[in-house]
Amino acid sequence: VGPPKKDGSLKFQPWQIDSTKTVQDILEHLGKGEDRWSLVEYHELGDGNWNQGITVGYKDERAKKGISKFGWTPRRGGMLPPVWLATETE
């Protein structure tokens, strides 16, 4: 998954991830377990518009916490909007 393109499109792959997993766990699973990688949340605004949310780098201390600490819980994608995450480098 990458950040939204200028035309507003987003290439993505749906995943269900246990909310006890950490940002480091996820980045390592994706083969991006290096200090230069981050997970970046995006909020869909509609009509191809996106707003950047939380960014958590692999080396950040908070990357060791479960993703539920960022509000990325099982309620997202059901009662709440889905979590859209992209991997990005510094």
PDB file of N, CA and C in Angstrom:
ATOM      1  N   VAL A   1       0.855  -1.180   0.000  1.00  0.00           N
ATOM      2  CA  VAL A   1       0.000   0.000   0.000  1.00  0.00           C
ATOM      3  C   VAL A   1       0.891   1.229   0.000  1.00  0.00           C
ATOM      4  N   GLY A   2       0.549   2.170  -0.804  1.00  0.00           N
ATOM      5  CA  GLY A   2       1.294   3.422  -0.858  1.00  0.00           C
ATOM      6  C   GLY A   2       0.374   4.587  -0.578  1.00  0.00           C
ATOM      7  N   PRO A   3       0.937   5.772  -0.474  1.00  0.00           N
ATOM      8  CA  PRO A   3       0.101   6.952  -0.227  1.00  0.00           C
ATOM      9  C   PRO A   3      -0.807   7.228  -1.418  1.00  0.00           C
ATOM     10  N   PRO A   4      -1.877   7.982  -1.208  1.00  0.00           N
ATOM     11  CA  PRO A   4      -2.775   8.317  -2.319  1.00  0.00           C
ATOM     12  C   PRO A   4      -2.016   9.050  -3.423  1.00  0.00           C
ATOM     13  N   LYS A   5      -2.388   8.767  -4.658  1.00  0.00           N
ATOM     14  CA  LYS A   5      -1.772   9.426  -5.802  1.00  0.00           C
ATOM     15  C   LYS A   5      -2.426  10.793  -6.010  1.00  0.00           C
ATOM     16  N   LYS A   6      -1.814  11.608  -6.863  1.00  0.00           N
ATOM     17  CA  LYS A   6      -2.332  12.953  -7.111  1.00  0.00           C
ATOM     18  C   LYS A   6      -3.760  12.940  -7.632  1.00  0.00           C
ATOM     19  N   ASP A   7      -4.137  11.863  -8.342  1.00  0.00           N
ATOM     20  CA  ASP A   7      -5.506  11.790  -8.857  1.00  0.00           C
ATOM     21  C   ASP A   7      -6.499  11.289  -7.811  1.00  0.00           C
ATOM     22  N   GLY A   8      -6.009  11.058  -6.577  1.00  0.00           N
ATOM     23  CA  GLY A   8      -6.878  10.637  -5.483  1.00  0.00           C
ATOM     24  C   GLY A   8      -7.031   9.139  -5.356  1.00  0.00           C
ATOM     25  N   SER A   9      -6.465   8.384  -6.314  1.00  0.00           N
ATOM     26  CA  SER A   9      -6.591   6.930  -6.241  1.00  0.00           C
ATOM     27  C   SER A   9      -5.629   6.354  -5.204  1.00  0.00           C
ATOM     28  N   LEU A  10      -5.980   5.207  -4.705  1.00  0.00           N
ATOM     29  CA  LEU A  10      -5.177   4.544  -3.687  1.00  0.00           C
ATOM     30  C   LEU A  10      -5.112   3.065  -4.035  1.00  0.00           C
ATOM     31  N   LYS A  11      -3.905   2.567  -4.252  1.00  0.00           N
ATOM     32  CA  LYS A  11      -3.725   1.140  -4.486  1.00  0.00           C
ATOM     33  C   LYS A  11      -3.629   0.496  -3.108  1.00  0.00           C
ATOM     34  N   PHE A  12      -4.483  -0.503  -2.875  1.00  0.00           N
ATOM     35  CA  PHE A  12      -4.495  -1.088  -1.546  1.00  0.00           C
ATOM     36  C   PHE A  12      -4.764  -2.581  -1.602  1.00  0.00           C
ATOM     37  N   GLN A  13      -4.463  -3.212  -0.490  1.00  0.00           N
ATOM     38  CA  GLN A  13      -4.774  -4.625  -0.290  1.00  0.00           C
ATOM     39  C   GLN A  13      -5.420  -4.730   1.082  1.00  0.00           C
ATOM     40  N   PRO A  14      -6.649  -5.264   1.162  1.00  0.00           N
ATOM     41  CA  PRO A  14      -7.308  -5.373   2.467  1.00  0.00           C
ATOM     42  C   PRO A  14      -6.640  -6.440   3.343  1.00  0.00           C
ATOM     43  N   TRP A  15      -6.495  -6.125   4.609  1.00  0.00           N
ATOM     44  CA  TRP A  15      -5.929  -7.043   5.598  1.00  0.00           C
ATOM     45  C   TRP A  15      -6.761  -6.949   6.865  1.00  0.00           C
ATOM     46  N   GLN A  16      -6.854  -8.025   7.564  1.00  0.00           N
ATOM     47  CA  GLN A  16      -7.400  -8.017   8.922  1.00  0.00           C
ATOM     48  C   GLN A  16      -6.223  -8.321   9.842  1.00  0.00           C
ATOM     49  N   ILE A  17      -5.975  -7.412  10.759  1.00  0.00           N
ATOM     50  CA  ILE A  17      -4.814  -7.525  11.638  1.00  0.00           C
ATOM     51  C   ILE A  17      -5.282  -7.480  13.079  1.00  0.00           C
ATOM     52  N   ASP A  18      -4.777  -8.384  13.871  1.00  0.00           N
ATOM     53  CA  ASP A  18      -5.070  -8.427  15.307  1.00  0.00           C
ATOM     54  C   ASP A  18      -4.639  -7.101  15.928  1.00  0.00           C
ATOM     55  N   SER A  19      -5.531  -6.455  16.656  1.00  0.00           N
ATOM     56  CA  SER A  19      -5.228  -5.129  17.210  1.00  0.00           C
ATOM     57  C   SER A  19      -4.208  -5.159  18.341  1.00  0.00           C
ATOM     58  N   THR A  20      -3.746  -6.349  18.724  1.00  0.00           N
ATOM     59  CA  THR A  20      -2.653  -6.423  19.707  1.00  0.00           C
ATOM     60  C   THR A  20      -1.288  -6.365  19.023  1.00  0.00           C
ATOM     61  N   LYS A  21      -1.269  -6.484  17.680  1.00  0.00           N
ATOM     62  CA  LYS A  21      -0.006  -6.383  16.938  1.00  0.00           C
ATOM     63  C   LYS A  21       0.537  -4.969  17.057  1.00  0.00           C
ATOM     64  N   THR A  22       1.855  -4.859  16.988  1.00  0.00           N
ATOM     65  CA  THR A  22       2.493  -3.546  17.058  1.00  0.00           C
ATOM     66  C   THR A  22       2.799  -3.042  15.648  1.00  0.00           C
ATOM     67  N   VAL A  23       3.115  -1.765  15.560  1.00  0.00           N
ATOM     68  CA  VAL A  23       3.542  -1.193  14.283  1.00  0.00           C
ATOM     69  C   VAL A  23       4.791  -1.919  13.804  1.00  0.00           C
ATOM     70  N   GLN A  24       5.699  -2.211  14.726  1.00  0.00           N
ATOM     71  CA  GLN A  24       6.907  -2.941  14.343  1.00  0.00           C
ATOM     72  C   GLN A  24       6.568  -4.322  13.798  1.00  0.00           C
ATOM     73  N   ASP A  25       5.616  -5.023  14.431  1.00  0.00           N
ATOM     74  CA  ASP A  25       5.187  -6.341  13.935  1.00  0.00           C
ATOM     75  C   ASP A  25       4.694  -6.240  12.495  1.00  0.00           C
ATOM     76  N   ILE A  26       3.862  -5.240  12.221  1.00  0.00           N
ATOM     77  CA  ILE A  26       3.260  -5.087  10.900  1.00  0.00           C
ATOM     78  C   ILE A  26       4.324  -4.765   9.852  1.00  0.00           C
ATOM     79  N   LEU A  27       5.199  -3.808  10.161  1.00  0.00           N
ATOM     80  CA  LEU A  27       6.242  -3.444   9.207  1.00  0.00           C
ATOM     81  C   LEU A  27       7.175  -4.625   8.938  1.00  0.00           C
ATOM     82  N   GLU A  28       7.507  -5.383   9.976  1.00  0.00           N
ATOM     83  CA  GLU A  28       8.362  -6.561   9.790  1.00  0.00           C
ATOM     84  C   GLU A  28       7.664  -7.592   8.910  1.00  0.00           C
ATOM     85  N   HIS A  29       6.374  -7.807   9.127  1.00  0.00           N
ATOM     86  CA  HIS A  29       5.611  -8.751   8.322  1.00  0.00           C
ATOM     87  C   HIS A  29       5.605  -8.343   6.846  1.00  0.00           C
ATOM     88  N   LEU A  30       5.591  -7.042   6.597  1.00  0.00           N
ATOM     89  CA  LEU A  30       5.586  -6.521   5.231  1.00  0.00           C
ATOM     90  C   LEU A  30       6.989  -6.428   4.630  1.00  0.00           C
ATOM     91  N   GLY A  31       8.007  -6.876   5.384  1.00  0.00           N
ATOM     92  CA  GLY A  31       9.386  -6.810   4.889  1.00  0.00           C
ATOM     93  C   GLY A  31       9.978  -5.423   4.960  1.00  0.00           C
ATOM     94  N   LYS A  32       9.436  -4.582   5.834  1.00  0.00           N
ATOM     95  CA  LYS A  32       9.887  -3.194   5.959  1.00  0.00           C
ATOM     96  C   LYS A  32      10.305  -2.890   7.396  1.00  0.00           C
ATOM     97  N   GLY A  33      10.950  -3.863   8.034  1.00  0.00           N
ATOM     98  CA  GLY A  33      11.363  -3.708   9.419  1.00  0.00           C
ATOM     99  C   GLY A  33      12.717  -3.036   9.555  1.00  0.00           C
ATOM    100  N   GLU A  34      12.814  -1.847   8.998  1.00  0.00           N
ATOM    101  CA  GLU A  34      14.037  -1.062   9.089  1.00  0.00           C
ATOM    102  C   GLU A  34      13.680   0.326   9.609  1.00  0.00           C
ATOM    103  N   ASP A  35      14.665   0.992  10.199  1.00  0.00           N
ATOM    104  CA  ASP A  35      14.429   2.297  10.827  1.00  0.00           C
ATOM    105  C   ASP A  35      13.831   3.342   9.901  1.00  0.00           C
ATOM    106  N   ARG A  36      14.045   3.247   8.612  1.00  0.00           N
ATOM    107  CA  ARG A  36      13.587   4.292   7.693  1.00  0.00           C
ATOM    108  C   ARG A  36      12.111   4.181   7.321  1.00  0.00           C
ATOM    109  N   TRP A  37      11.429   3.099   7.701  1.00  0.00           N
ATOM    110  CA  TRP A  37      10.029   2.878   7.320  1.00  0.00           C
ATOM    111  C   TRP A  37       9.052   3.347   8.386  1.00  0.00           C
ATOM    112  N   SER A  38       7.870   3.761   7.935  1.00  0.00           N
ATOM    113  CA  SER A  38       6.784   4.197   8.816  1.00  0.00           C
ATOM    114  C   SER A  38       5.454   3.671   8.302  1.00  0.00           C
ATOM    115  N   LEU A  39       4.494   3.576   9.211  1.00  0.00           N
ATOM    116  CA  LEU A  39       3.097   3.373   8.831  1.00  0.00           C
ATOM    117  C   LEU A  39       2.425   4.732   8.933  1.00  0.00           C
ATOM    118  N   VAL A  40       1.676   5.077   7.904  1.00  0.00           N
ATOM    119  CA  VAL A  40       0.986   6.365   7.865  1.00  0.00           C
ATOM    120  C   VAL A  40      -0.498   6.097   7.666  1.00  0.00           C
ATOM    121  N   GLU A  41      -1.324   6.675   8.527  1.00  0.00           N
ATOM    122  CA  GLU A  41      -2.772   6.536   8.405  1.00  0.00           C
ATOM    123  C   GLU A  41      -3.308   7.629   7.492  1.00  0.00           C
ATOM    124  N   TYR A  42      -4.272   7.252   6.643  1.00  0.00           N
ATOM    125  CA  TYR A  42      -4.967   8.216   5.796  1.00  0.00           C
ATOM    126  C   TYR A  42      -6.453   8.127   6.061  1.00  0.00           C
ATOM    127  N   HIS A  43      -7.117   9.278   6.013  1.00  0.00           N
ATOM    128  CA  HIS A  43      -8.564   9.361   6.195  1.00  0.00           C
ATOM    129  C   HIS A  43      -9.192   9.701   4.856  1.00  0.00           C
ATOM    130  N   GLU A  44     -10.151   8.879   4.425  1.00  0.00           N
ATOM    131  CA  GLU A  44     -10.843   9.121   3.169  1.00  0.00           C
ATOM    132  C   GLU A  44     -11.874  10.219   3.373  1.00  0.00           C
ATOM    133  N   LEU A  45     -11.779  11.273   2.574  1.00  0.00           N
ATOM    134  CA  LEU A  45     -12.695  12.401   2.678  1.00  0.00           C
ATOM    135  C   LEU A  45     -13.788  12.355   1.619  1.00  0.00           C
ATOM    136  N   GLY A  46     -13.597  11.502   0.604  1.00  0.00           N
ATOM    137  CA  GLY A  46     -14.560  11.401  -0.484  1.00  0.00           C
ATOM    138  C   GLY A  46     -14.080  12.139  -1.720  1.00  0.00           C
ATOM    139  N   ASP A  47     -14.639  11.784  -2.868  1.00  0.00           N
ATOM    140  CA  ASP A  47     -14.295  12.410  -4.148  1.00  0.00           C
ATOM    141  C   ASP A  47     -12.795  12.380  -4.434  1.00  0.00           C
ATOM    142  N   GLY A  48     -12.110  11.312  -4.008  1.00  0.00           N
ATOM    143  CA  GLY A  48     -10.681  11.172  -4.269  1.00  0.00           C
ATOM    144  C   GLY A  48      -9.794  12.010  -3.378  1.00  0.00           C
ATOM    145  N   ASN A  49     -10.344  12.544  -2.303  1.00  0.00           N
ATOM    146  CA  ASN A  49      -9.565  13.375  -1.387  1.00  0.00           C
ATOM    147  C   ASN A  49      -9.211  12.588  -0.130  1.00  0.00           C
ATOM    148  N   TRP A  50      -7.996  12.792   0.334  1.00  0.00           N
ATOM    149  CA  TRP A  50      -7.478  12.093   1.514  1.00  0.00           C
ATOM    150  C   TRP A  50      -6.809  13.088   2.443  1.00  0.00           C
ATOM    151  N   ASN A  51      -6.825  12.785   3.725  1.00  0.00           N
ATOM    152  CA  ASN A  51      -6.151  13.592   4.732  1.00  0.00           C
ATOM    153  C   ASN A  51      -5.194  12.686   5.486  1.00  0.00           C
ATOM    154  N   GLN A  52      -3.964  13.130   5.649  1.00  0.00           N
ATOM    155  CA  GLN A  52      -2.984  12.327   6.371  1.00  0.00           C
ATOM    156  C   GLN A  52      -3.255  12.389   7.869  1.00  0.00           C
ATOM    157  N   GLY A  53      -3.199  11.226   8.509  1.00  0.00           N
ATOM    158  CA  GLY A  53      -3.406  11.135   9.950  1.00  0.00           C
ATOM    159  C   GLY A  53      -2.099  10.827  10.668  1.00  0.00           C
ATOM    160  N   ILE A  54      -2.141   9.882  11.560  1.00  0.00           N
ATOM    161  CA  ILE A  54      -1.003   9.507  12.398  1.00  0.00           C
ATOM    162  C   ILE A  54       0.103   8.871  11.558  1.00  0.00           C
ATOM    163  N   THR A  55       1.352   9.225  11.868  1.00  0.00           N
ATOM    164  CA  THR A  55       2.525   8.570  11.290  1.00  0.00           C
ATOM    165  C   THR A  55       3.318   7.970  12.444  1.00  0.00           C
ATOM    166  N   VAL A  56       3.649   6.684  12.324  1.00  0.00           N
ATOM    167  CA  VAL A  56       4.430   6.006  13.354  1.00  0.00           C
ATOM    168  C   VAL A  56       5.610   5.325  12.680  1.00  0.00           C
ATOM    169  N   GLY A  57       6.817   5.768  12.998  1.00  0.00           N
ATOM    170  CA  GLY A  57       8.025   5.199  12.426  1.00  0.00           C
ATOM    171  C   GLY A  57       8.453   3.932  13.151  1.00  0.00           C
ATOM    172  N   TYR A  58       9.114   3.058  12.422  1.00  0.00           N
ATOM    173  CA  TYR A  58       9.577   1.786  12.981  1.00  0.00           C
ATOM    174  C   TYR A  58      10.424   2.007  14.230  1.00  0.00           C
ATOM    175  N   LYS A  59      11.257   3.050  14.221  1.00  0.00           N
ATOM    176  CA  LYS A  59      12.160   3.278  15.342  1.00  0.00           C
ATOM    177  C   LYS A  59      11.521   4.075  16.488  1.00  0.00           C
ATOM    178  N   ASP A  60      10.282   4.574  16.284  1.00  0.00           N
ATOM    179  CA  ASP A  60       9.592   5.321  17.338  1.00  0.00           C
ATOM    180  C   ASP A  60       9.294   4.410  18.526  1.00  0.00           C
ATOM    181  N   GLU A  61       9.396   4.945  19.694  1.00  0.00           N
ATOM    182  CA  GLU A  61       9.083   4.180  20.908  1.00  0.00           C
ATOM    183  C   GLU A  61       7.640   3.678  20.885  1.00  0.00           C
ATOM    184  N   ARG A  62       6.730   4.489  20.371  1.00  0.00           N
ATOM    185  CA  ARG A  62       5.321   4.083  20.347  1.00  0.00           C
ATOM    186  C   ARG A  62       5.038   2.983  19.327  1.00  0.00           C
ATOM    187  N   ALA A  63       5.995   2.672  18.447  1.00  0.00           N
ATOM    188  CA  ALA A  63       5.840   1.576  17.477  1.00  0.00           C
ATOM    189  C   ALA A  63       5.860   0.218  18.165  1.00  0.00           C
ATOM    190  N   LYS A  64       6.211   0.201  19.438  1.00  0.00           N
ATOM    191  CA  LYS A  64       6.254  -1.043  20.207  1.00  0.00           C
ATOM    192  C   LYS A  64       4.918  -1.328  20.892  1.00  0.00           C
ATOM    193  N   LYS A  65       3.956  -0.402  20.762  1.00  0.00           N
ATOM    194  CA  LYS A  65       2.643  -0.564  21.387  1.00  0.00           C
ATOM    195  C   LYS A  65       1.672  -1.205  20.412  1.00  0.00           C
ATOM    196  N   GLY A  66       0.663  -1.872  20.935  1.00  0.00           N
ATOM    197  CA  GLY A  66      -0.376  -2.457  20.088  1.00  0.00           C
ATOM    198  C   GLY A  66      -1.085  -1.369  19.300  1.00  0.00           C
ATOM    199  N   ILE A  67      -1.519  -1.706  18.085  1.00  0.00           N
ATOM    200  CA  ILE A  67      -2.130  -0.696  17.222  1.00  0.00           C
ATOM    201  C   ILE A  67      -3.451  -0.165  17.768  1.00  0.00           C
ATOM    202  N   SER A  68      -4.043  -0.877  18.710  1.00  0.00           N
ATOM    203  CA  SER A  68      -5.281  -0.371  19.309  1.00  0.00           C
ATOM    204  C   SER A  68      -5.027   0.930  20.070  1.00  0.00           C
ATOM    205  N   LYS A  69      -3.797   1.170  20.492  1.00  0.00           N
ATOM    206  CA  LYS A  69      -3.449   2.417  21.193  1.00  0.00           C
ATOM    207  C   LYS A  69      -3.619   3.633  20.289  1.00  0.00           C
ATOM    208  N   PHE A  70      -3.667   3.410  18.968  1.00  0.00           N
ATOM    209  CA  PHE A  70      -3.843   4.500  18.008  1.00  0.00           C
ATOM    210  C   PHE A  70      -5.290   4.602  17.546  1.00  0.00           C
ATOM    211  N   GLY A  71      -6.159   3.787  18.141  1.00  0.00           N
ATOM    212  CA  GLY A  71      -7.568   3.790  17.751  1.00  0.00           C
ATOM    213  C   GLY A  71      -7.857   2.839  16.599  1.00  0.00           C
ATOM    214  N   TRP A  72      -6.882   2.035  16.230  1.00  0.00           N
ATOM    215  CA  TRP A  72      -7.043   1.069  15.141  1.00  0.00           C
ATOM    216  C   TRP A  72      -7.535  -0.236  15.760  1.00  0.00           C
ATOM    217  N   THR A  73      -8.821  -0.321  15.965  1.00  0.00           N
ATOM    218  CA  THR A  73      -9.444  -1.432  16.681  1.00  0.00           C
ATOM    219  C   THR A  73     -10.397  -2.200  15.769  1.00  0.00           C
ATOM    220  N   PRO A  74     -10.925  -3.333  16.243  1.00  0.00           N
ATOM    221  CA  PRO A  74     -11.878  -4.100  15.439  1.00  0.00           C
ATOM    222  C   PRO A  74     -13.147  -3.329  15.066  1.00  0.00           C
ATOM    223  N   ARG A  75     -13.461  -2.265  15.768  1.00  0.00           N
ATOM    224  CA  ARG A  75     -14.651  -1.460  15.444  1.00  0.00           C
ATOM    225  C   ARG A  75     -14.475  -0.692  14.135  1.00  0.00           C
ATOM    226  N   ARG A  76     -13.214  -0.504  13.729  1.00  0.00           N
ATOM    227  CA  ARG A  76     -12.931   0.211  12.483  1.00  0.00           C
ATOM    228  C   ARG A  76     -13.284  -0.685  11.308  1.00  0.00           C
ATOM    229  N   GLY A  77     -13.966  -0.122  10.343  1.00  0.00           N
ATOM    230  CA  GLY A  77     -14.398  -0.883   9.184  1.00  0.00           C
ATOM    231  C   GLY A  77     -15.783  -1.472   9.378  1.00  0.00           C
ATOM    232  N   GLY A  78     -16.346  -1.299  10.562  1.00  0.00           N
ATOM    233  CA  GLY A  78     -17.695  -1.754  10.855  1.00  0.00           C
ATOM    234  C   GLY A  78     -18.507  -0.559  11.300  1.00  0.00           C
ATOM    235  N   MET A  79     -18.444  -0.289  12.620  1.00  0.00           N
ATOM    236  CA  MET A  79     -19.169   0.856  13.173  1.00  0.00           C
ATOM    237  C   MET A  79     -18.454   2.176  12.868  1.00  0.00           C
ATOM    238  N   LEU A  80     -17.164   2.107  12.641  1.00  0.00           N
ATOM    239  CA  LEU A  80     -16.348   3.289  12.353  1.00  0.00           C
ATOM    240  C   LEU A  80     -15.695   3.121  10.982  1.00  0.00           C
ATOM    241  N   PRO A  81     -15.218   4.216  10.382  1.00  0.00           N
ATOM    242  CA  PRO A  81     -14.559   4.095   9.071  1.00  0.00           C
ATOM    243  C   PRO A  81     -13.354   3.141   9.143  1.00  0.00           C
ATOM    244  N   PRO A  82     -13.006   2.541   8.000  1.00  0.00           N
ATOM    245  CA  PRO A  82     -11.857   1.629   7.999  1.00  0.00           C
ATOM    246  C   PRO A  82     -10.554   2.370   8.262  1.00  0.00           C
ATOM    247  N   VAL A  83      -9.543   1.623   8.606  1.00  0.00           N
ATOM    248  CA  VAL A  83      -8.200   2.176   8.776  1.00  0.00           C
ATOM    249  C   VAL A  83      -7.479   2.003   7.445  1.00  0.00           C
ATOM    250  N   TRP A  84      -7.024   3.102   6.872  1.00  0.00           N
ATOM    251  CA  TRP A  84      -6.238   3.074   5.645  1.00  0.00           C
ATOM    252  C   TRP A  84      -4.803   3.390   6.038  1.00  0.00           C
ATOM    253  N   LEU A  85      -3.908   2.420   5.870  1.00  0.00           N
ATOM    254  CA  LEU A  85      -2.499   2.612   6.232  1.00  0.00           C
ATOM    255  C   LEU A  85      -1.625   2.457   5.004  1.00  0.00           C
ATOM    256  N   ALA A  86      -0.589   3.257   4.948  1.00  0.00           N
ATOM    257  CA  ALA A  86       0.403   3.161   3.885  1.00  0.00           C
ATOM    258  C   ALA A  86       1.773   2.995   4.518  1.00  0.00           C
ATOM    259  N   THR A  87       2.669   2.329   3.804  1.00  0.00           N
ATOM    260  CA  THR A  87       4.067   2.259   4.240  1.00  0.00           C
ATOM    261  C   THR A  87       4.819   3.328   3.469  1.00  0.00           C
ATOM    262  N   GLU A  88       5.631   4.087   4.182  1.00  0.00           N
ATOM    263  CA  GLU A  88       6.397   5.159   3.553  1.00  0.00           C
ATOM    264  C   GLU A  88       7.792   5.201   4.170  1.00  0.00           C
ATOM    265  N   THR A  89       8.743   5.734   3.409  1.00  0.00           N
ATOM    266  CA  THR A  89      10.102   5.887   3.921  1.00  0.00           C
ATOM    267  C   THR A  89      10.344   7.337   4.268  1.00  0.00           C
ATOM    268  N   GLU A  90      11.318   7.536   5.139  1.00  0.00           N
ATOM    269  CA  GLU A  90      11.667   8.898   5.550  1.00  0.00           C
ATOM    270  C   GLU A  90      12.367   9.631   4.433  1.00  0.00           C
TER     271      GLU A  90
END
